[in-house]
Amino acid sequence: MSGLGVVCLAGWVGAVALPAAAAGRSFPGGPRSQHFRYGSSCPAAPANRYLAGPAGCLSARLADVDGDGRPDLVLLYTRPNVKHFRYRFTLKVYRASGGTLVAHIPVGDIPATIERLRDVNNRRGVEVFVHEVHISTAELMGIYTFDGKKLRRAGAFSYGGYDAGLKFGFTCHRGTPATIVQDQFSLSSLKAPHIWHHLARTYHWAGATLKQCASRTTIFKGSSPPRSQVGVHC
C-alpha cells in the first residue's frame, strides 16, 4: 500500500555532509567547551568575556553561520546548577562582522549539545543542529539557521528510537529546492518476515523555514529498517 501527497520540486540526490568552517583568530580568548553527561547539573564554566553571565554545560564552536565567509563564534549554554531536568539553553552566535544572534532552545530533559554544523539549505552559511530532547521513543534534533536578520529554529526532526517496534531517521538532500526527509518505521507484524509500515515525510526549505511538501507510505519487509534511513544523515 502506498500514498503520495504533493510532489516536491527537487530531485532525490544523495545526502551531503559539509565540514564546519576552519577555526580562525577572530575571537581570541574565546571560551572552551565543557565536558558533561546526561543528567548533569551543569557546573559553571570559567568566566569569559563572551559570556554575559554564569554559564554551564557550555559548547563552543567556530563556524560561518551568517554566510559571509568568516568563522563566527557559536555558543550553546544554560545557567549552572540546573535541577529537575528542565534545561533552558541559549544558542548565541558572535558574528565575525560584529553583533550577535540569539535563539532560545525549547525546554528539554537533557543538556543540549551541538551535534552538527552543516550547510543543508543551499544558502551561504551553516545550519546548527542541536540535540534537544531524549525520550523513550526517539531523540529530537532542532535545526537553526540565519534568515538574514536573526537566528531561527527552522524545524525539528526525530531520529533513533528505543522501542522495538518504532524507529526514526532523517536525511538531508541537496537539490533545487534542498529537502529533508523524515522517516518513521512502525512494526506491524512480529512473524517472519517482519513487516514495517514506512512513512516518509519530505520537507523543503522555504526561506529559513522547513515546510512539508510530500508524504509517502510504503511497506518494508525485514528484521529491522535500513540503516540508511534510521539515525541522522546530514
C-alpha atoms as a PDB file:
ATOM      1  CA  MET A   1       0.000   0.000   0.000  1.00  0.00           C
ATOM      2  CA  SER A   2       1.315   3.460  -0.788  1.00  0.00           C
ATOM      3  CA  GLY A   3       0.110   7.035  -0.898  1.00  0.00           C
ATOM      4  CA  LEU A   4       1.738  10.160  -2.229  1.00  0.00           C
ATOM      5  CA  GLY A   5       0.951  13.750  -1.293  1.00  0.00           C
ATOM      6  CA  VAL A   6       2.016  16.959  -3.005  1.00  0.00           C
ATOM      7  CA  VAL A   7       5.124  16.299  -5.081  1.00  0.00           C
ATOM      8  CA  CYS A   8       8.267  18.234  -4.157  1.00  0.00           C
ATOM      9  CA  LEU A   9      10.086  20.120  -6.873  1.00  0.00           C
ATOM     10  CA  ALA A  10      13.513  18.734  -6.057  1.00  0.00           C
ATOM     11  CA  GLY A  11      15.006  15.519  -7.346  1.00  0.00           C
ATOM     12  CA  TRP A  12      16.252  12.887  -4.924  1.00  0.00           C
ATOM     13  CA  VAL A  13      20.011  13.046  -4.557  1.00  0.00           C
ATOM     14  CA  GLY A  14      22.490  11.755  -2.021  1.00  0.00           C
ATOM     15  CA  ALA A  15      22.971  13.402   1.349  1.00  0.00           C
ATOM     16  CA  VAL A  16      25.963  15.711   1.650  1.00  0.00           C
ATOM     17  CA  ALA A  17      27.845  16.395   4.895  1.00  0.00           C
ATOM     18  CA  LEU A  18      29.861  19.596   4.686  1.00  0.00           C
ATOM     19  CA  PRO A  19      32.671  20.450   7.122  1.00  0.00           C
ATOM     20  CA  ALA A  20      32.378  23.327   9.568  1.00  0.00           C
ATOM     21  CA  ALA A  21      34.347  26.477   8.792  1.00  0.00           C
ATOM     22  CA  ALA A  22      38.005  26.350   9.775  1.00  0.00           C
ATOM     23  CA  ALA A  23      38.941  27.841  13.133  1.00  0.00           C
ATOM     24  CA  GLY A  24      40.303  31.368  12.903  1.00  0.00           C
ATOM     25  CA  ARG A  25      41.620  34.067  15.194  1.00  0.00           C
ATOM     26  CA  SER A  26      38.597  36.357  15.177  1.00  0.00           C
ATOM     27  CA  PHE A  27      37.729  35.585  18.806  1.00  0.00           C
ATOM     28  CA  PRO A  28      40.944  35.464  20.863  1.00  0.00           C
ATOM     29  CA  GLY A  29      40.426  34.133  24.352  1.00  0.00           C
ATOM     30  CA  GLY A  30      37.069  32.592  23.437  1.00  0.00           C
ATOM     31  CA  PRO A  31      35.597  30.014  25.836  1.00  0.00           C
ATOM     32  CA  ARG A  32      36.149  26.276  25.527  1.00  0.00           C
ATOM     33  CA  SER A  33      33.535  23.552  25.590  1.00  0.00           C
ATOM     34  CA  GLN A  34      32.870  21.779  28.871  1.00  0.00           C
ATOM     35  CA  HIS A  35      32.579  18.026  29.317  1.00  0.00           C
ATOM     36  CA  PHE A  36      29.255  16.926  30.787  1.00  0.00           C
ATOM     37  CA  ARG A  37      26.853  13.994  30.788  1.00  0.00           C
ATOM     38  CA  TYR A  38      23.162  13.247  30.627  1.00  0.00           C
ATOM     39  CA  GLY A  39      21.589  14.381  33.913  1.00  0.00           C
ATOM     40  CA  SER A  40      24.370  16.864  34.667  1.00  0.00           C
ATOM     41  CA  SER A  41      23.561  19.800  36.961  1.00  0.00           C
ATOM     42  CA  CYS A  42      25.827  21.873  34.696  1.00  0.00           C
ATOM     43  CA  PRO A  43      28.680  23.231  36.857  1.00  0.00           C
ATOM     44  CA  ALA A  44      29.674  26.780  35.967  1.00  0.00           C
ATOM     45  CA  ALA A  45      32.107  27.359  33.118  1.00  0.00           C
ATOM     46  CA  PRO A  46      35.077  29.667  33.735  1.00  0.00           C
ATOM     47  CA  ALA A  47      34.231  33.347  33.370  1.00  0.00           C
ATOM     48  CA  ASN A  48      34.845  34.658  29.867  1.00  0.00           C
ATOM     49  CA  ARG A  49      34.426  37.946  28.007  1.00  0.00           C
ATOM     50  CA  TYR A  50      31.974  36.248  25.624  1.00  0.00           C
ATOM     51  CA  LEU A  51      29.716  35.003  28.435  1.00  0.00           C
ATOM     52  CA  ALA A  52      27.413  37.734  29.738  1.00  0.00           C
ATOM     53  CA  GLY A  53      26.818  35.845  32.977  1.00  0.00           C
ATOM     54  CA  PRO A  54      27.179  32.438  34.643  1.00  0.00           C
ATOM     55  CA  ALA A  55      27.006  29.595  32.106  1.00  0.00           C
ATOM     56  CA  GLY A  56      27.021  25.812  32.412  1.00  0.00           C
ATOM     57  CA  CYS A  57      27.048  22.821  30.046  1.00  0.00           C
ATOM     58  CA  LEU A  58      28.820  25.084  27.564  1.00  0.00           C
ATOM     59  CA  SER A  59      29.532  24.048  23.977  1.00  0.00           C
ATOM     60  CA  ALA A  60      31.707  26.336  21.821  1.00  0.00           C
ATOM     61  CA  ARG A  61      32.391  26.076  18.088  1.00  0.00           C
ATOM     62  CA  LEU A  62      33.756  28.182  15.229  1.00  0.00           C
ATOM     63  CA  ALA A  63      31.682  28.123  12.029  1.00  0.00           C
ATOM     64  CA  ASP A  64      30.392  30.503   9.373  1.00  0.00           C
ATOM     65  CA  VAL A  65      26.729  30.826  10.345  1.00  0.00           C
ATOM     66  CA  ASP A  66      25.858  34.124   8.637  1.00  0.00           C
ATOM     67  CA  GLY A  67      27.443  33.176   5.307  1.00  0.00           C
ATOM     68  CA  ASP A  68      29.998  35.985   4.990  1.00  0.00           C
ATOM     69  CA  GLY A  69      32.899  33.552   4.587  1.00  0.00           C
ATOM     70  CA  ARG A  70      34.366  34.155   8.061  1.00  0.00           C
ATOM     71  CA  PRO A  71      34.014  31.870  11.111  1.00  0.00           C
ATOM     72  CA  ASP A  72      31.634  33.064  13.796  1.00  0.00           C
ATOM     73  CA  LEU A  73      31.755  32.038  17.455  1.00  0.00           C
ATOM     74  CA  VAL A  74      28.876  29.659  18.243  1.00  0.00           C
ATOM     75  CA  LEU A  75      27.961  29.151  21.909  1.00  0.00           C
ATOM     76  CA  LEU A  76      25.307  26.897  23.456  1.00  0.00           C
ATOM     77  CA  TYR A  77      24.803  27.037  27.215  1.00  0.00           C
ATOM     78  CA  THR A  78      22.406  27.130  30.142  1.00  0.00           C
ATOM     79  CA  ARG A  79      22.597  28.518  33.651  1.00  0.00           C
ATOM     80  CA  PRO A  80      24.656  26.492  36.152  1.00  0.00           C
ATOM     81  CA  ASN A  81      23.135  24.174  38.755  1.00  0.00           C
ATOM     82  CA  VAL A  82      20.100  23.086  36.738  1.00  0.00           C
ATOM     83  CA  LYS A  83      17.582  20.956  38.626  1.00  0.00           C
ATOM     84  CA  HIS A  84      14.673  18.649  37.751  1.00  0.00           C
ATOM     85  CA  PHE A  85      15.957  18.093  34.198  1.00  0.00           C
ATOM     86  CA  ARG A  86      14.269  21.241  32.902  1.00  0.00           C
ATOM     87  CA  TYR A  87      17.148  22.613  30.893  1.00  0.00           C
ATOM     88  CA  ARG A  88      16.753  26.030  29.264  1.00  0.00           C
ATOM     89  CA  PHE A  89      19.537  26.560  26.760  1.00  0.00           C
ATOM     90  CA  THR A  90      20.558  29.624  24.788  1.00  0.00           C
ATOM     91  CA  LEU A  91      22.200  29.481  21.363  1.00  0.00           C
ATOM     92  CA  LYS A  92      24.309  32.591  20.766  1.00  0.00           C
ATOM     93  CA  VAL A  93      26.390  33.451  17.711  1.00  0.00           C
ATOM     94  CA  TYR A  94      29.012  36.211  17.822  1.00  0.00           C
ATOM     95  CA  ARG A  95      29.399  37.330  14.230  1.00  0.00           C
ATOM     96  CA  ALA A  96      32.872  37.979  12.838  1.00  0.00           C
ATOM     97  CA  SER A  97      31.429  41.129  11.278  1.00  0.00           C
ATOM     98  CA  GLY A  98      30.144  42.335  14.676  1.00  0.00           C
ATOM     99  CA  GLY A  99      26.896  41.905  16.561  1.00  0.00           C
ATOM    100  CA  THR A 100      25.234  38.787  17.957  1.00  0.00           C
ATOM    101  CA  LEU A 101      22.458  36.379  17.028  1.00  0.00           C
ATOM    102  CA  VAL A 102      20.425  34.658  19.749  1.00  0.00           C
ATOM    103  CA  ALA A 103      17.893  31.808  19.806  1.00  0.00           C
ATOM    104  CA  HIS A 104      16.324  30.145  22.830  1.00  0.00           C
ATOM    105  CA  ILE A 105      16.135  26.354  22.764  1.00  0.00           C
ATOM    106  CA  PRO A 106      12.809  24.785  23.887  1.00  0.00           C
ATOM    107  CA  VAL A 107      12.899  23.354  27.413  1.00  0.00           C
ATOM    108  CA  GLY A 108      14.368  19.842  27.302  1.00  0.00           C
ATOM    109  CA  ASP A 109      15.160  16.906  29.537  1.00  0.00           C
ATOM    110  CA  ILE A 110      18.857  16.695  28.583  1.00  0.00           C
ATOM    111  CA  PRO A 111      21.784  19.093  28.382  1.00  0.00           C
ATOM    112  CA  ALA A 112      21.528  20.319  24.779  1.00  0.00           C
ATOM    113  CA  THR A 113      24.563  19.792  22.544  1.00  0.00           C
ATOM    114  CA  ILE A 114      25.714  20.988  19.129  1.00  0.00           C
ATOM    115  CA  GLU A 115      25.719  17.807  17.054  1.00  0.00           C
ATOM    116  CA  ARG A 116      26.471  19.134  13.578  1.00  0.00           C
ATOM    117  CA  LEU A 117      27.326  22.289  11.649  1.00  0.00           C
ATOM    118  CA  ARG A 118      26.269  21.750   8.035  1.00  0.00           C
ATOM    119  CA  ASP A 119      25.118  23.815   5.071  1.00  0.00           C
ATOM    120  CA  VAL A 120      21.936  21.966   4.069  1.00  0.00           C
ATOM    121  CA  ASN A 121      19.669  24.671   2.587  1.00  0.00           C
ATOM    122  CA  ASN A 122      21.603  25.954  -0.451  1.00  0.00           C
ATOM    123  CA  ARG A 123      22.127  29.327   1.230  1.00  0.00           C
ATOM    124  CA  ARG A 124      25.553  30.506   2.357  1.00  0.00           C
ATOM    125  CA  GLY A 125      26.315  29.703   5.982  1.00  0.00           C
ATOM    126  CA  VAL A 126      25.957  26.535   8.019  1.00  0.00           C
ATOM    127  CA  GLU A 127      22.909  25.354   9.930  1.00  0.00           C
ATOM    128  CA  VAL A 128      23.336  24.469  13.613  1.00  0.00           C
ATOM    129  CA  PHE A 129      21.990  21.036  14.572  1.00  0.00           C
ATOM    130  CA  VAL A 130      21.118  20.927  18.282  1.00  0.00           C
ATOM    131  CA  HIS A 131      20.253  17.724  20.139  1.00  0.00           C
ATOM    132  CA  GLU A 132      17.350  18.997  22.255  1.00  0.00           C
ATOM    133  CA  VAL A 133      15.335  16.107  23.688  1.00  0.00           C
ATOM    134  CA  HIS A 134      15.812  12.455  24.664  1.00  0.00           C
ATOM    135  CA  ILE A 135      12.592  10.463  25.128  1.00  0.00           C
ATOM    136  CA  SER A 136      11.697   6.768  25.203  1.00  0.00           C
ATOM    137  CA  THR A 137      10.735   6.640  21.536  1.00  0.00           C
ATOM    138  CA  ALA A 138      13.404   8.793  19.875  1.00  0.00           C
ATOM    139  CA  GLU A 139      15.872  11.667  20.028  1.00  0.00           C
ATOM    140  CA  LEU A 140      14.926  15.129  18.768  1.00  0.00           C
ATOM    141  CA  MET A 141      17.179  17.441  16.765  1.00  0.00           C
ATOM    142  CA  GLY A 142      16.406  21.117  16.220  1.00  0.00           C
ATOM    143  CA  ILE A 143      17.865  22.859  13.164  1.00  0.00           C
ATOM    144  CA  TYR A 144      18.761  26.557  13.496  1.00  0.00           C
ATOM    145  CA  THR A 145      19.585  28.878  10.609  1.00  0.00           C
ATOM    146  CA  PHE A 146      20.287  32.544   9.872  1.00  0.00           C
ATOM    147  CA  ASP A 147      17.462  34.210   7.931  1.00  0.00           C
ATOM    148  CA  GLY A 148      19.418  37.338   7.024  1.00  0.00           C
ATOM    149  CA  LYS A 149      18.364  39.195  10.157  1.00  0.00           C
ATOM    150  CA  LYS A 150      18.100  36.737  13.025  1.00  0.00           C
ATOM    151  CA  LEU A 151      18.730  33.161  14.101  1.00  0.00           C
ATOM    152  CA  ARG A 152      15.644  30.975  13.929  1.00  0.00           C
ATOM    153  CA  ARG A 153      14.568  27.380  14.505  1.00  0.00           C
ATOM    154  CA  ALA A 154      13.728  26.093  11.034  1.00  0.00           C
ATOM    155  CA  GLY A 155      12.324  22.764  12.216  1.00  0.00           C
ATOM    156  CA  ALA A 156      12.940  19.672  14.342  1.00  0.00           C
ATOM    157  CA  PHE A 157      13.298  16.000  13.445  1.00  0.00           C
ATOM    158  CA  SER A 158      13.227  12.673  15.268  1.00  0.00           C
ATOM    159  CA  TYR A 159      15.892  10.011  14.962  1.00  0.00           C
ATOM    160  CA  GLY A 160      16.899   6.709  16.532  1.00  0.00           C
ATOM    161  CA  GLY A 161      14.402   5.047  18.824  1.00  0.00           C
ATOM    162  CA  TYR A 162      14.401   2.669  21.773  1.00  0.00           C
ATOM    163  CA  ASP A 163      11.069   0.878  21.324  1.00  0.00           C
ATOM    164  CA  ALA A 164      11.456  -2.389  19.441  1.00  0.00           C
ATOM    165  CA  GLY A 165       8.668  -1.560  17.030  1.00  0.00           C
ATOM    166  CA  LEU A 166       9.342   2.111  16.272  1.00  0.00           C
ATOM    167  CA  LYS A 167      12.376   3.680  14.573  1.00  0.00           C
ATOM    168  CA  PHE A 168      13.100   7.157  13.192  1.00  0.00           C
ATOM    169  CA  GLY A 169      15.624   8.863  10.961  1.00  0.00           C
ATOM    170  CA  PHE A 170      16.091  11.909   8.771  1.00  0.00           C
ATOM    171  CA  THR A 171      18.233  12.649   5.728  1.00  0.00           C
ATOM    172  CA  CYS A 172      19.310  15.916   4.122  1.00  0.00           C
ATOM    173  CA  HIS A 173      19.216  16.128   0.306  1.00  0.00           C
ATOM    174  CA  ARG A 174      20.823  18.780  -1.861  1.00  0.00           C
ATOM    175  CA  GLY A 175      18.745  19.900  -4.819  1.00  0.00           C
ATOM    176  CA  THR A 176      16.504  22.716  -6.006  1.00  0.00           C
ATOM    177  CA  PRO A 177      14.990  23.200  -3.535  1.00  0.00           C
ATOM    178  CA  ALA A 178      17.007  21.401  -0.844  1.00  0.00           C
ATOM    179  CA  THR A 179      14.943  18.950   1.198  1.00  0.00           C
ATOM    180  CA  ILE A 180      14.967  16.947   4.422  1.00  0.00           C
ATOM    181  CA  VAL A 181      13.157  13.607   4.608  1.00  0.00           C
ATOM    182  CA  GLN A 182      11.790  12.352   7.945  1.00  0.00           C
ATOM    183  CA  ASP A 183      11.434   8.559   8.040  1.00  0.00           C
ATOM    184  CA  GLN A 184       9.290   6.638  10.519  1.00  0.00           C
ATOM    185  CA  PHE A 185       9.123   2.837  10.675  1.00  0.00           C
ATOM    186  CA  SER A 186       6.349   1.117  12.663  1.00  0.00           C
ATOM    187  CA  LEU A 187       6.452  -2.657  13.133  1.00  0.00           C
ATOM    188  CA  SER A 188       3.105  -4.258  12.314  1.00  0.00           C
ATOM    189  CA  SER A 189       3.983  -7.972  12.340  1.00  0.00           C
ATOM    190  CA  LEU A 190       6.305  -9.958  14.607  1.00  0.00           C
ATOM    191  CA  LYS A 191       6.158 -13.018  12.397  1.00  0.00           C
ATOM    192  CA  ALA A 192       8.927 -13.540   9.873  1.00  0.00           C
ATOM    193  CA  PRO A 193       9.300 -11.784   7.565  1.00  0.00           C
ATOM    194  CA  HIS A 194       8.723  -8.743   9.780  1.00  0.00           C
ATOM    195  CA  ILE A 195       6.536  -6.087   8.199  1.00  0.00           C
ATOM    196  CA  TRP A 196       7.165  -2.401   8.844  1.00  0.00           C
ATOM    197  CA  HIS A 197       4.945   0.465   7.779  1.00  0.00           C
ATOM    198  CA  HIS A 198       7.266   3.187   6.470  1.00  0.00           C
ATOM    199  CA  LEU A 199       6.079   6.794   6.499  1.00  0.00           C
ATOM    200  CA  ALA A 200       8.370   9.287   4.725  1.00  0.00           C
ATOM    201  CA  ARG A 201       7.617  12.999   5.010  1.00  0.00           C
ATOM    202  CA  THR A 202       9.556  15.385   2.778  1.00  0.00           C
ATOM    203  CA  TYR A 203      10.203  18.990   3.820  1.00  0.00           C
ATOM    204  CA  HIS A 204      11.618  21.705   1.578  1.00  0.00           C
ATOM    205  CA  TRP A 205      13.315  24.925   2.564  1.00  0.00           C
ATOM    206  CA  ALA A 206      11.099  27.992   2.143  1.00  0.00           C
ATOM    207  CA  GLY A 207      13.478  30.786   3.057  1.00  0.00           C
ATOM    208  CA  ALA A 208      14.649  29.943   6.577  1.00  0.00           C
ATOM    209  CA  THR A 209      11.831  27.523   7.428  1.00  0.00           C
ATOM    210  CA  LEU A 210      11.117  23.914   6.550  1.00  0.00           C
ATOM    211  CA  LYS A 211       7.667  23.108   5.143  1.00  0.00           C
ATOM    212  CA  GLN A 212       6.213  19.697   4.374  1.00  0.00           C
ATOM    213  CA  CYS A 213       5.655  19.203   0.653  1.00  0.00           C
ATOM    214  CA  ALA A 214       5.080  15.454   0.315  1.00  0.00           C
ATOM    215  CA  SER A 215       4.362  12.262   2.234  1.00  0.00           C
ATOM    216  CA  ARG A 216       4.601   8.651   1.161  1.00  0.00           C
ATOM    217  CA  THR A 217       3.652   5.389   2.861  1.00  0.00           C
ATOM    218  CA  THR A 218       5.195   2.062   1.864  1.00  0.00           C
ATOM    219  CA  ILE A 219       5.852  -1.409   3.293  1.00  0.00           C
ATOM    220  CA  PHE A 220       9.286  -2.677   4.278  1.00  0.00           C
ATOM    221  CA  LYS A 221       9.962  -6.360   4.985  1.00  0.00           C
ATOM    222  CA  GLY A 222      12.954  -7.294   7.094  1.00  0.00           C
ATOM    223  CA  SER A 223      14.160  -7.815  10.635  1.00  0.00           C
ATOM    224  CA  SER A 224      14.992  -4.124  11.036  1.00  0.00           C
ATOM    225  CA  PRO A 225      14.643  -0.923   8.944  1.00  0.00           C
ATOM    226  CA  PRO A 226      17.507   0.077   6.606  1.00  0.00           C
ATOM    227  CA  ARG A 227      20.399   1.747   8.404  1.00  0.00           C
ATOM    228  CA  SER A 228      20.478   4.390   5.682  1.00  0.00           C
ATOM    229  CA  GLN A 229      17.058   5.620   6.842  1.00  0.00           C
ATOM    230  CA  VAL A 230      17.458   5.388  10.623  1.00  0.00           C
ATOM    231  CA  GLY A 231      19.512   7.940  12.539  1.00  0.00           C
ATOM    232  CA  VAL A 232      20.887  11.220  11.189  1.00  0.00           C
ATOM    233  CA  HIS A 233      22.220  11.506   7.639  1.00  0.00           C
ATOM    234  CA  CYS A 234      23.167  15.142   7.069  1.00  0.00           C
END
